[in-house]
């Protein structure tokens, strides 16, 4: 079931997670939104993880490992 998430473009936050700029917020929102159509139900920890990957703060391998630890716990 689809549940909308709170995106505040004025304050650059998604579900309370802050972003450095609008482009990063939009890229993260698009990544989350496309997966929500497939049934993904994001939590704030997921938003942080995806943001960090979009910003190249973590590698894809780190992203996968973190996703395993946060999604399936």
C-alpha atoms as a PDB file:
ATOM      1  CA  UNK A   1       0.000   0.000   0.000  1.00  0.00           C
ATOM      2  CA  UNK A   2       1.352   3.409  -1.004  1.00  0.00           C
ATOM      3  CA  UNK A   3       1.941   5.860   1.838  1.00  0.00           C
ATOM      4  CA  UNK A   4       3.095   9.365   0.940  1.00  0.00           C
ATOM      5  CA  UNK A   5       6.255  10.668   2.597  1.00  0.00           C
ATOM      6  CA  UNK A   6       6.807  14.220   3.805  1.00  0.00           C
ATOM      7  CA  UNK A   7       9.041  16.198   1.448  1.00  0.00           C
ATOM      8  CA  UNK A   8       9.739  19.823   2.404  1.00  0.00           C
ATOM      9  CA  UNK A   9      11.552  21.463  -0.496  1.00  0.00           C
ATOM     10  CA  UNK A  10      11.574  24.854   1.224  1.00  0.00           C
ATOM     11  CA  UNK A  11      13.517  23.543   4.228  1.00  0.00           C
ATOM     12  CA  UNK A  12      15.338  20.843   2.203  1.00  0.00           C
ATOM     13  CA  UNK A  13      14.114  17.833   4.199  1.00  0.00           C
ATOM     14  CA  UNK A  14      12.590  14.448   3.497  1.00  0.00           C
ATOM     15  CA  UNK A  15      11.016  12.798   6.526  1.00  0.00           C
ATOM     16  CA  UNK A  16      13.032  15.197   8.705  1.00  0.00           C
ATOM     17  CA  UNK A  17      16.371  14.292   7.083  1.00  0.00           C
ATOM     18  CA  UNK A  18      18.228  17.394   5.880  1.00  0.00           C
ATOM     19  CA  UNK A  19      19.827  17.903   2.474  1.00  0.00           C
ATOM     20  CA  UNK A  20      22.540  20.328   1.387  1.00  0.00           C
ATOM     21  CA  UNK A  21      20.728  21.465  -1.752  1.00  0.00           C
ATOM     22  CA  UNK A  22      17.564  21.047  -3.783  1.00  0.00           C
ATOM     23  CA  UNK A  23      19.210  18.918  -6.487  1.00  0.00           C
ATOM     24  CA  UNK A  24      20.317  16.291  -3.968  1.00  0.00           C
ATOM     25  CA  UNK A  25      16.883  16.312  -2.336  1.00  0.00           C
ATOM     26  CA  UNK A  26      15.168  15.846  -5.699  1.00  0.00           C
ATOM     27  CA  UNK A  27      17.508  13.045  -6.784  1.00  0.00           C
ATOM     28  CA  UNK A  28      16.936  11.245  -3.493  1.00  0.00           C
ATOM     29  CA  UNK A  29      13.172  11.779  -3.670  1.00  0.00           C
ATOM     30  CA  UNK A  30      13.119  10.367  -7.207  1.00  0.00           C
ATOM     31  CA  UNK A  31      15.094   7.290  -6.151  1.00  0.00           C
ATOM     32  CA  UNK A  32      12.786   6.681  -3.195  1.00  0.00           C
ATOM     33  CA  UNK A  33       9.619   7.366  -5.200  1.00  0.00           C
ATOM     34  CA  UNK A  34      10.476   4.949  -7.979  1.00  0.00           C
ATOM     35  CA  UNK A  35      11.054   2.201  -5.428  1.00  0.00           C
ATOM     36  CA  UNK A  36       7.853   3.024  -3.570  1.00  0.00           C
ATOM     37  CA  UNK A  37       5.919   2.045  -6.699  1.00  0.00           C
ATOM     38  CA  UNK A  38       7.399  -1.410  -6.188  1.00  0.00           C
ATOM     39  CA  UNK A  39       6.245  -1.577  -2.563  1.00  0.00           C
ATOM     40  CA  UNK A  40       9.228  -0.042  -0.713  1.00  0.00           C
ATOM     41  CA  UNK A  41       8.165   1.708   2.498  1.00  0.00           C
ATOM     42  CA  UNK A  42      10.994   4.068   3.466  1.00  0.00           C
ATOM     43  CA  UNK A  43      11.984   5.025   6.985  1.00  0.00           C
ATOM     44  CA  UNK A  44      14.176   7.969   7.970  1.00  0.00           C
ATOM     45  CA  UNK A  45      17.208   5.657   8.150  1.00  0.00           C
ATOM     46  CA  UNK A  46      16.615   4.667   4.533  1.00  0.00           C
ATOM     47  CA  UNK A  47      16.377   8.316   3.479  1.00  0.00           C
ATOM     48  CA  UNK A  48      19.742   9.022   5.157  1.00  0.00           C
ATOM     49  CA  UNK A  49      21.314   6.026   3.496  1.00  0.00           C
ATOM     50  CA  UNK A  50      20.071   6.919   0.022  1.00  0.00           C
ATOM     51  CA  UNK A  51      21.083  10.576   0.505  1.00  0.00           C
ATOM     52  CA  UNK A  52      24.604   9.527   1.458  1.00  0.00           C
ATOM     53  CA  UNK A  53      24.868   7.299  -1.605  1.00  0.00           C
ATOM     54  CA  UNK A  54      23.525  10.023  -3.926  1.00  0.00           C
ATOM     55  CA  UNK A  55      26.113  12.419  -2.457  1.00  0.00           C
ATOM     56  CA  UNK A  56      28.931   9.874  -2.990  1.00  0.00           C
ATOM     57  CA  UNK A  57      29.638   9.747   0.752  1.00  0.00           C
ATOM     58  CA  UNK A  58      29.443   5.952   0.625  1.00  0.00           C
ATOM     59  CA  UNK A  59      30.266   3.395  -2.049  1.00  0.00           C
ATOM     60  CA  UNK A  60      27.740   1.075  -3.633  1.00  0.00           C
ATOM     61  CA  UNK A  61      29.168  -1.818  -1.588  1.00  0.00           C
ATOM     62  CA  UNK A  62      28.716   0.198   1.610  1.00  0.00           C
ATOM     63  CA  UNK A  63      25.186   1.099   0.509  1.00  0.00           C
ATOM     64  CA  UNK A  64      24.279  -2.565  -0.046  1.00  0.00           C
ATOM     65  CA  UNK A  65      25.751  -3.632   3.300  1.00  0.00           C
ATOM     66  CA  UNK A  66      23.982  -0.841   5.157  1.00  0.00           C
ATOM     67  CA  UNK A  67      20.704  -1.628   3.372  1.00  0.00           C
ATOM     68  CA  UNK A  68      20.967  -5.242   4.470  1.00  0.00           C
ATOM     69  CA  UNK A  69      21.499  -4.151   8.045  1.00  0.00           C
ATOM     70  CA  UNK A  70      18.706  -1.549   8.155  1.00  0.00           C
ATOM     71  CA  UNK A  71      15.953  -2.982   5.989  1.00  0.00           C
ATOM     72  CA  UNK A  72      15.901  -6.559   7.179  1.00  0.00           C
ATOM     73  CA  UNK A  73      16.449  -6.015  10.898  1.00  0.00           C
END
